[in-house]
Amino acid sequence: MSDDATLEAFRLADSFLPVGTYTVSYGLEQFVADDRVTDAEELHALLETYLRRQVGPAELVALRTAHAAASEGDLDTICAADRRLAAVTLAAEFRESAQQSGDRLLSLQRDLREDDLLESYAEAVTDGDAPGNYAVVLGVTTALAGIDARQACLLCCHGFVTGLLGAAQRLLSLGHTDAQRILDDLRPVMVDAVESSGDRSIDDMTPFAPLLDVLAADHERAERRLFAS
């Protein structure tokens, strides 16, 4: 990649990026409330499940499809991947969080860059032709920035894990060293998730993590919540 593309990848992976991911835990809060995650080892296992069962077979497939379509200027395929991702994401909180983060990233990119495809995609989201999921917006954004698809997928995995580790530090007695150790240990899992997503089409977008969906539904009805999801 070019230096500009590399620096853009760093920017998109930075927790400083104002897309609101610090407000979500993607069900982790409910796992902690139910004493299903109480320490670093259990947190590692949960994050591995997310990567292998949810992020890899769903978000990364949508990202790859959107990335390839954006490179060809194919708005219809971008919107099709976006709709499919929303359809296979069962938990309402997960859909809402992904769409809110996607909306913020899309708005930010439009403020920073002038691009006809971004404008057309934003119009499709406004018109209800596409939900504007974060993974799809990230796929379009990285393609237009010259970031290759594999690096974009790794970026997505890294951002997802660091976001949940940040949430875990507010929910558990998790120190910075433990958080970094988990992030380091999950590297091969992220690579596996990226590689396994490579041969899937949007018709093969099949996440399967029933307990995550059940606890996300429980979280929607929780009396006290620190996180939006």
C-alpha atoms as a PDB file:
ATOM      1  CA  MET A   1       0.000   0.000   0.000  1.00  0.00           C
ATOM      2  CA  SER A   2       1.037   3.617  -0.424  1.00  0.00           C
ATOM      3  CA  ASP A   3       2.106   5.707   2.550  1.00  0.00           C
ATOM      4  CA  ASP A   4      -1.179   7.634   2.351  1.00  0.00           C
ATOM      5  CA  ALA A   5      -3.185   4.396   2.436  1.00  0.00           C
ATOM      6  CA  THR A   6      -1.153   3.084   5.375  1.00  0.00           C
ATOM      7  CA  LEU A   7      -1.680   6.283   7.345  1.00  0.00           C
ATOM      8  CA  GLU A   8      -5.392   6.183   6.511  1.00  0.00           C
ATOM      9  CA  ALA A   9      -5.527   2.621   7.850  1.00  0.00           C
ATOM     10  CA  PHE A  10      -3.902   3.792  11.077  1.00  0.00           C
ATOM     11  CA  ARG A  11      -6.486   6.563  11.373  1.00  0.00           C
ATOM     12  CA  LEU A  12      -9.407   4.206  10.824  1.00  0.00           C
ATOM     13  CA  ALA A  13      -8.041   1.742  13.398  1.00  0.00           C
ATOM     14  CA  ASP A  14      -7.526   4.415  16.053  1.00  0.00           C
ATOM     15  CA  SER A  15      -9.894   4.510  19.023  1.00  0.00           C
ATOM     16  CA  PHE A  16      -9.768   8.300  18.566  1.00  0.00           C
ATOM     17  CA  LEU A  17     -12.013   7.866  15.521  1.00  0.00           C
ATOM     18  CA  PRO A  18     -15.360   9.451  16.511  1.00  0.00           C
ATOM     19  CA  VAL A  19     -17.797   6.715  15.486  1.00  0.00           C
ATOM     20  CA  GLY A  20     -19.245   5.932  18.910  1.00  0.00           C
ATOM     21  CA  THR A  21     -17.926   2.395  19.359  1.00  0.00           C
ATOM     22  CA  TYR A  22     -16.981   3.231  22.960  1.00  0.00           C
ATOM     23  CA  THR A  23     -20.711   3.228  23.796  1.00  0.00           C
ATOM     24  CA  VAL A  24     -21.261  -0.425  22.819  1.00  0.00           C
ATOM     25  CA  SER A  25     -20.198  -3.753  24.285  1.00  0.00           C
ATOM     26  CA  TYR A  26     -21.940  -6.065  21.778  1.00  0.00           C
ATOM     27  CA  GLY A  27     -23.469  -8.151  24.548  1.00  0.00           C
ATOM     28  CA  LEU A  28     -20.377  -8.290  26.761  1.00  0.00           C
ATOM     29  CA  GLU A  29     -22.151  -6.310  29.481  1.00  0.00           C
ATOM     30  CA  GLN A  30     -24.800  -9.023  29.767  1.00  0.00           C
ATOM     31  CA  PHE A  31     -22.183 -11.780  29.849  1.00  0.00           C
ATOM     32  CA  VAL A  32     -20.567 -10.001  32.795  1.00  0.00           C
ATOM     33  CA  ALA A  33     -23.913  -9.350  34.516  1.00  0.00           C
ATOM     34  CA  ASP A  34     -24.765 -13.064  34.257  1.00  0.00           C
ATOM     35  CA  ASP A  35     -21.314 -14.062  35.587  1.00  0.00           C
ATOM     36  CA  ARG A  36     -20.529 -15.850  32.339  1.00  0.00           C
ATOM     37  CA  VAL A  37     -17.401 -13.717  31.884  1.00  0.00           C
ATOM     38  CA  THR A  38     -15.520 -13.036  35.100  1.00  0.00           C
ATOM     39  CA  ASP A  39     -11.835 -12.977  34.157  1.00  0.00           C
ATOM     40  CA  ALA A  40      -9.353 -12.563  31.337  1.00  0.00           C
ATOM     41  CA  GLU A  41      -9.473 -16.226  30.299  1.00  0.00           C
ATOM     42  CA  GLU A  42     -13.246 -16.227  29.857  1.00  0.00           C
ATOM     43  CA  LEU A  43     -13.082 -12.895  28.061  1.00  0.00           C
ATOM     44  CA  HIS A  44     -10.521 -14.323  25.629  1.00  0.00           C
ATOM     45  CA  ALA A  45     -12.818 -17.269  24.896  1.00  0.00           C
ATOM     46  CA  LEU A  46     -15.782 -14.978  24.249  1.00  0.00           C
ATOM     47  CA  LEU A  47     -13.822 -12.706  21.917  1.00  0.00           C
ATOM     48  CA  GLU A  48     -12.583 -15.742  20.000  1.00  0.00           C
ATOM     49  CA  THR A  49     -16.193 -16.848  19.562  1.00  0.00           C
ATOM     50  CA  TYR A  50     -17.145 -13.405  18.278  1.00  0.00           C
ATOM     51  CA  LEU A  51     -14.340 -13.462  15.725  1.00  0.00           C
ATOM     52  CA  ARG A  52     -14.905 -17.008  14.482  1.00  0.00           C
ATOM     53  CA  ARG A  53     -18.712 -17.144  14.561  1.00  0.00           C
ATOM     54  CA  GLN A  54     -19.889 -13.572  13.985  1.00  0.00           C
ATOM     55  CA  VAL A  55     -17.255 -11.207  12.641  1.00  0.00           C
ATOM     56  CA  GLY A  56     -15.589 -13.647  10.232  1.00  0.00           C
ATOM     57  CA  PRO A  57     -18.654 -15.194   8.549  1.00  0.00           C
ATOM     58  CA  ALA A  58     -20.711 -11.999   8.521  1.00  0.00           C
ATOM     59  CA  GLU A  59     -19.032  -8.602   8.910  1.00  0.00           C
ATOM     60  CA  LEU A  60     -15.874  -9.521   7.023  1.00  0.00           C
ATOM     61  CA  VAL A  61     -17.822 -11.051   4.139  1.00  0.00           C
ATOM     62  CA  ALA A  62     -19.878  -7.868   3.838  1.00  0.00           C
ATOM     63  CA  LEU A  63     -16.731  -5.759   4.084  1.00  0.00           C
ATOM     64  CA  ARG A  64     -14.962  -7.731   1.352  1.00  0.00           C
ATOM     65  CA  THR A  65     -17.983  -7.546  -0.946  1.00  0.00           C
ATOM     66  CA  ALA A  66     -18.377  -3.809  -0.407  1.00  0.00           C
ATOM     67  CA  HIS A  67     -14.647  -3.286  -0.902  1.00  0.00           C
ATOM     68  CA  ALA A  68     -14.631  -5.117  -4.237  1.00  0.00           C
ATOM     69  CA  ALA A  69     -17.814  -3.389  -5.373  1.00  0.00           C
ATOM     70  CA  ALA A  70     -16.518   0.064  -4.423  1.00  0.00           C
ATOM     71  CA  SER A  71     -13.371  -0.588  -6.449  1.00  0.00           C
ATOM     72  CA  GLU A  72     -15.651  -1.152  -9.460  1.00  0.00           C
ATOM     73  CA  GLY A  73     -18.049   1.681  -8.651  1.00  0.00           C
ATOM     74  CA  ASP A  74     -20.850  -0.887  -8.182  1.00  0.00           C
ATOM     75  CA  LEU A  75     -23.360   0.752  -5.835  1.00  0.00           C
ATOM     76  CA  ASP A  76     -25.992  -1.981  -6.283  1.00  0.00           C
ATOM     77  CA  THR A  77     -23.678  -4.680  -4.918  1.00  0.00           C
ATOM     78  CA  ILE A  78     -22.639  -2.469  -2.006  1.00  0.00           C
ATOM     79  CA  CYS A  79     -26.281  -2.019  -1.050  1.00  0.00           C
ATOM     80  CA  ALA A  80     -27.000  -5.743  -1.509  1.00  0.00           C
ATOM     81  CA  ALA A  81     -24.174  -6.667   0.893  1.00  0.00           C
ATOM     82  CA  ASP A  82     -25.424  -4.053   3.334  1.00  0.00           C
ATOM     83  CA  ARG A  83     -28.974  -5.406   3.313  1.00  0.00           C
ATOM     84  CA  ARG A  84     -27.781  -8.992   3.641  1.00  0.00           C
ATOM     85  CA  LEU A  85     -25.643  -8.160   6.676  1.00  0.00           C
ATOM     86  CA  ALA A  86     -28.609  -6.519   8.384  1.00  0.00           C
ATOM     87  CA  ALA A  87     -30.783  -9.541   7.558  1.00  0.00           C
ATOM     88  CA  VAL A  88     -28.416 -12.081   9.147  1.00  0.00           C
ATOM     89  CA  THR A  89     -27.739  -9.967  12.253  1.00  0.00           C
ATOM     90  CA  LEU A  90     -30.481 -11.206  14.561  1.00  0.00           C
ATOM     91  CA  ALA A  91     -30.011  -9.051  17.654  1.00  0.00           C
ATOM     92  CA  ALA A  92     -31.693  -5.660  17.330  1.00  0.00           C
ATOM     93  CA  GLU A  93     -29.036  -3.993  19.479  1.00  0.00           C
ATOM     94  CA  PHE A  94     -26.275  -5.282  17.221  1.00  0.00           C
ATOM     95  CA  ARG A  95     -28.031  -3.988  14.095  1.00  0.00           C
ATOM     96  CA  GLU A  96     -28.718  -0.599  15.636  1.00  0.00           C
ATOM     97  CA  SER A  97     -25.167  -0.197  16.950  1.00  0.00           C
ATOM     98  CA  ALA A  98     -23.633  -1.210  13.613  1.00  0.00           C
ATOM     99  CA  GLN A  99     -25.851   1.210  11.727  1.00  0.00           C
ATOM    100  CA  GLN A 100     -25.220   4.097  14.110  1.00  0.00           C
ATOM    101  CA  SER A 101     -21.451   3.584  13.897  1.00  0.00           C
ATOM    102  CA  GLY A 102     -21.712   3.230  10.123  1.00  0.00           C
ATOM    103  CA  ASP A 103     -23.675   6.454   9.851  1.00  0.00           C
ATOM    104  CA  ARG A 104     -21.022   8.311  11.834  1.00  0.00           C
ATOM    105  CA  LEU A 105     -18.165   6.888   9.783  1.00  0.00           C
ATOM    106  CA  LEU A 106     -19.936   7.675   6.525  1.00  0.00           C
ATOM    107  CA  SER A 107     -20.675  11.228   7.645  1.00  0.00           C
ATOM    108  CA  LEU A 108     -17.065  11.707   8.739  1.00  0.00           C
ATOM    109  CA  GLN A 109     -15.671  10.416   5.449  1.00  0.00           C
ATOM    110  CA  ARG A 110     -17.968  12.682   3.452  1.00  0.00           C
ATOM    111  CA  ASP A 111     -16.672  15.639   5.458  1.00  0.00           C
ATOM    112  CA  LEU A 112     -13.070  14.639   4.764  1.00  0.00           C
ATOM    113  CA  ARG A 113     -13.296  13.386   1.175  1.00  0.00           C
ATOM    114  CA  GLU A 114     -15.179  14.351  -1.958  1.00  0.00           C
ATOM    115  CA  ASP A 115     -16.225  11.227  -3.813  1.00  0.00           C
ATOM    116  CA  ASP A 116     -19.248  10.553  -6.004  1.00  0.00           C
ATOM    117  CA  LEU A 117     -19.603   6.952  -4.799  1.00  0.00           C
ATOM    118  CA  LEU A 118     -19.664   8.024  -1.151  1.00  0.00           C
ATOM    119  CA  GLU A 119     -22.362  10.560  -1.967  1.00  0.00           C
ATOM    120  CA  SER A 120     -24.416   7.997  -3.906  1.00  0.00           C
ATOM    121  CA  TYR A 121     -24.101   5.456  -1.102  1.00  0.00           C
ATOM    122  CA  ALA A 122     -25.087   8.048   1.499  1.00  0.00           C
ATOM    123  CA  GLU A 123     -28.133   8.882  -0.602  1.00  0.00           C
ATOM    124  CA  ALA A 124     -29.055   5.186  -0.755  1.00  0.00           C
ATOM    125  CA  VAL A 125     -28.824   4.969   3.042  1.00  0.00           C
ATOM    126  CA  THR A 126     -30.974   8.075   3.446  1.00  0.00           C
ATOM    127  CA  ASP A 127     -33.558   6.685   1.023  1.00  0.00           C
ATOM    128  CA  GLY A 128     -33.710   3.364   2.875  1.00  0.00           C
ATOM    129  CA  ASP A 129     -32.136   1.336   0.076  1.00  0.00           C
ATOM    130  CA  ALA A 130     -29.262   0.334   2.390  1.00  0.00           C
ATOM    131  CA  PRO A 131     -28.990   0.276   6.209  1.00  0.00           C
ATOM    132  CA  GLY A 132     -25.448   1.677   6.346  1.00  0.00           C
ATOM    133  CA  ASN A 133     -23.756  -0.976   8.478  1.00  0.00           C
ATOM    134  CA  TYR A 134     -20.318  -0.097   9.826  1.00  0.00           C
ATOM    135  CA  ALA A 135     -18.557  -3.037   8.138  1.00  0.00           C
ATOM    136  CA  VAL A 136     -19.959  -2.057   4.738  1.00  0.00           C
ATOM    137  CA  VAL A 137     -19.083   1.615   5.172  1.00  0.00           C
ATOM    138  CA  LEU A 138     -15.594   0.538   6.225  1.00  0.00           C
ATOM    139  CA  GLY A 139     -15.308  -1.634   3.112  1.00  0.00           C
ATOM    140  CA  VAL A 140     -16.235   1.272   0.863  1.00  0.00           C
ATOM    141  CA  THR A 141     -13.992   3.684   2.758  1.00  0.00           C
ATOM    142  CA  THR A 142     -10.926   1.465   2.668  1.00  0.00           C
ATOM    143  CA  ALA A 143     -11.366   0.657  -1.027  1.00  0.00           C
ATOM    144  CA  LEU A 144     -11.544   4.335  -1.925  1.00  0.00           C
ATOM    145  CA  ALA A 145      -8.456   5.013   0.213  1.00  0.00           C
ATOM    146  CA  GLY A 146      -6.362   2.358  -1.544  1.00  0.00           C
ATOM    147  CA  ILE A 147      -6.251   0.028   1.458  1.00  0.00           C
ATOM    148  CA  ASP A 148      -6.335  -3.568   0.211  1.00  0.00           C
ATOM    149  CA  ALA A 149      -9.149  -5.894   1.255  1.00  0.00           C
ATOM    150  CA  ARG A 150      -7.077  -8.133   3.509  1.00  0.00           C
ATOM    151  CA  GLN A 151      -5.650  -5.199   5.436  1.00  0.00           C
ATOM    152  CA  ALA A 152      -9.140  -3.736   5.725  1.00  0.00           C
ATOM    153  CA  CYS A 153     -10.407  -6.999   7.239  1.00  0.00           C
ATOM    154  CA  LEU A 154      -7.529  -7.121   9.710  1.00  0.00           C
ATOM    155  CA  LEU A 155      -8.241  -3.492  10.578  1.00  0.00           C
ATOM    156  CA  CYS A 156     -11.883  -4.392  11.225  1.00  0.00           C
ATOM    157  CA  CYS A 157     -10.942  -7.290  13.511  1.00  0.00           C
ATOM    158  CA  HIS A 158      -8.418  -5.190  15.417  1.00  0.00           C
ATOM    159  CA  GLY A 159     -10.910  -2.374  15.919  1.00  0.00           C
ATOM    160  CA  PHE A 160     -13.618  -4.773  17.078  1.00  0.00           C
ATOM    161  CA  VAL A 161     -11.373  -6.484  19.632  1.00  0.00           C
ATOM    162  CA  THR A 162      -9.841  -3.282  21.002  1.00  0.00           C
ATOM    163  CA  GLY A 163     -13.317  -1.801  21.358  1.00  0.00           C
ATOM    164  CA  LEU A 164     -14.527  -4.762  23.397  1.00  0.00           C
ATOM    165  CA  LEU A 165     -11.351  -4.776  25.468  1.00  0.00           C
ATOM    166  CA  GLY A 166     -12.020  -1.136  26.296  1.00  0.00           C
ATOM    167  CA  ALA A 167     -15.534  -2.084  27.372  1.00  0.00           C
ATOM    168  CA  ALA A 168     -14.150  -4.967  29.430  1.00  0.00           C
ATOM    169  CA  GLN A 169     -11.871  -2.631  31.333  1.00  0.00           C
ATOM    170  CA  ARG A 170     -14.944  -0.728  32.473  1.00  0.00           C
ATOM    171  CA  LEU A 171     -16.892  -3.880  33.324  1.00  0.00           C
ATOM    172  CA  LEU A 172     -14.221  -6.139  34.827  1.00  0.00           C
ATOM    173  CA  SER A 173     -11.067  -5.897  36.884  1.00  0.00           C
ATOM    174  CA  LEU A 174      -8.999  -6.064  33.727  1.00  0.00           C
ATOM    175  CA  GLY A 175      -5.642  -4.331  33.708  1.00  0.00           C
ATOM    176  CA  HIS A 176      -3.922  -2.839  30.683  1.00  0.00           C
ATOM    177  CA  THR A 177      -1.348  -5.639  30.574  1.00  0.00           C
ATOM    178  CA  ASP A 178      -4.056  -8.307  30.561  1.00  0.00           C
ATOM    179  CA  ALA A 179      -5.888  -6.442  27.814  1.00  0.00           C
ATOM    180  CA  GLN A 180      -2.736  -6.266  25.700  1.00  0.00           C
ATOM    181  CA  ARG A 181      -2.026  -9.945  26.327  1.00  0.00           C
ATOM    182  CA  ILE A 182      -5.500 -10.893  25.093  1.00  0.00           C
ATOM    183  CA  LEU A 183      -5.078  -8.673  22.022  1.00  0.00           C
ATOM    184  CA  ASP A 184      -1.728 -10.299  21.287  1.00  0.00           C
ATOM    185  CA  ASP A 185      -3.039 -13.853  21.823  1.00  0.00           C
ATOM    186  CA  LEU A 186      -5.978 -13.227  19.475  1.00  0.00           C
ATOM    187  CA  ARG A 187      -3.789 -12.320  16.497  1.00  0.00           C
ATOM    188  CA  PRO A 188      -3.896 -15.821  14.947  1.00  0.00           C
ATOM    189  CA  VAL A 189      -7.656 -15.944  15.496  1.00  0.00           C
ATOM    190  CA  MET A 190      -8.058 -12.652  13.634  1.00  0.00           C
ATOM    191  CA  VAL A 191      -5.951 -13.996  10.771  1.00  0.00           C
ATOM    192  CA  ASP A 192      -8.045 -17.184  10.652  1.00  0.00           C
ATOM    193  CA  ALA A 193     -11.254 -15.143  10.592  1.00  0.00           C
ATOM    194  CA  VAL A 194      -9.934 -13.037   7.726  1.00  0.00           C
ATOM    195  CA  GLU A 195      -8.803 -16.055   5.734  1.00  0.00           C
ATOM    196  CA  SER A 196     -12.050 -17.979   6.272  1.00  0.00           C
ATOM    197  CA  SER A 197     -14.055 -15.017   4.984  1.00  0.00           C
ATOM    198  CA  GLY A 198     -12.191 -14.926   1.699  1.00  0.00           C
ATOM    199  CA  ASP A 199     -14.124 -17.664  -0.087  1.00  0.00           C
ATOM    200  CA  ARG A 200     -17.611 -16.600   0.999  1.00  0.00           C
ATOM    201  CA  SER A 201     -20.134 -14.702  -1.078  1.00  0.00           C
ATOM    202  CA  ILE A 202     -22.926 -12.661   0.450  1.00  0.00           C
ATOM    203  CA  ASP A 203     -25.178 -15.725   0.052  1.00  0.00           C
ATOM    204  CA  ASP A 204     -22.739 -17.566   2.348  1.00  0.00           C
ATOM    205  CA  MET A 205     -22.980 -14.899   5.048  1.00  0.00           C
ATOM    206  CA  THR A 206     -23.953 -17.260   7.885  1.00  0.00           C
ATOM    207  CA  PRO A 207     -23.035 -16.175  11.419  1.00  0.00           C
ATOM    208  CA  PHE A 208     -23.984 -18.701  14.100  1.00  0.00           C
ATOM    209  CA  ALA A 209     -23.557 -17.790  17.767  1.00  0.00           C
ATOM    210  CA  PRO A 210     -26.915 -18.463  19.495  1.00  0.00           C
ATOM    211  CA  LEU A 211     -25.791 -17.555  23.014  1.00  0.00           C
ATOM    212  CA  LEU A 212     -24.585 -14.154  21.834  1.00  0.00           C
ATOM    213  CA  ASP A 213     -27.996 -13.481  20.310  1.00  0.00           C
ATOM    214  CA  VAL A 214     -29.871 -14.667  23.413  1.00  0.00           C
ATOM    215  CA  LEU A 215     -27.862 -12.518  25.811  1.00  0.00           C
ATOM    216  CA  ALA A 216     -28.102  -9.531  23.474  1.00  0.00           C
ATOM    217  CA  ALA A 217     -31.893  -9.919  23.653  1.00  0.00           C
ATOM    218  CA  ASP A 218     -31.656 -10.080  27.463  1.00  0.00           C
ATOM    219  CA  HIS A 219     -29.543  -6.926  27.464  1.00  0.00           C
ATOM    220  CA  GLU A 220     -32.221  -5.038  25.546  1.00  0.00           C
ATOM    221  CA  ARG A 221     -34.540  -5.517  28.527  1.00  0.00           C
ATOM    222  CA  ALA A 222     -32.035  -4.986  31.316  1.00  0.00           C
ATOM    223  CA  GLU A 223     -33.077  -2.414  33.931  1.00  0.00           C
ATOM    224  CA  ARG A 224     -29.588  -0.966  34.220  1.00  0.00           C
ATOM    225  CA  ARG A 225     -27.168  -0.621  31.321  1.00  0.00           C
ATOM    226  CA  LEU A 226     -23.818   1.069  31.006  1.00  0.00           C
ATOM    227  CA  PHE A 227     -23.607   0.390  27.268  1.00  0.00           C
ATOM    228  CA  ALA A 228     -26.051   0.819  24.408  1.00  0.00           C
ATOM    229  CA  SER A 229     -25.548  -2.799  23.391  1.00  0.00           C
END
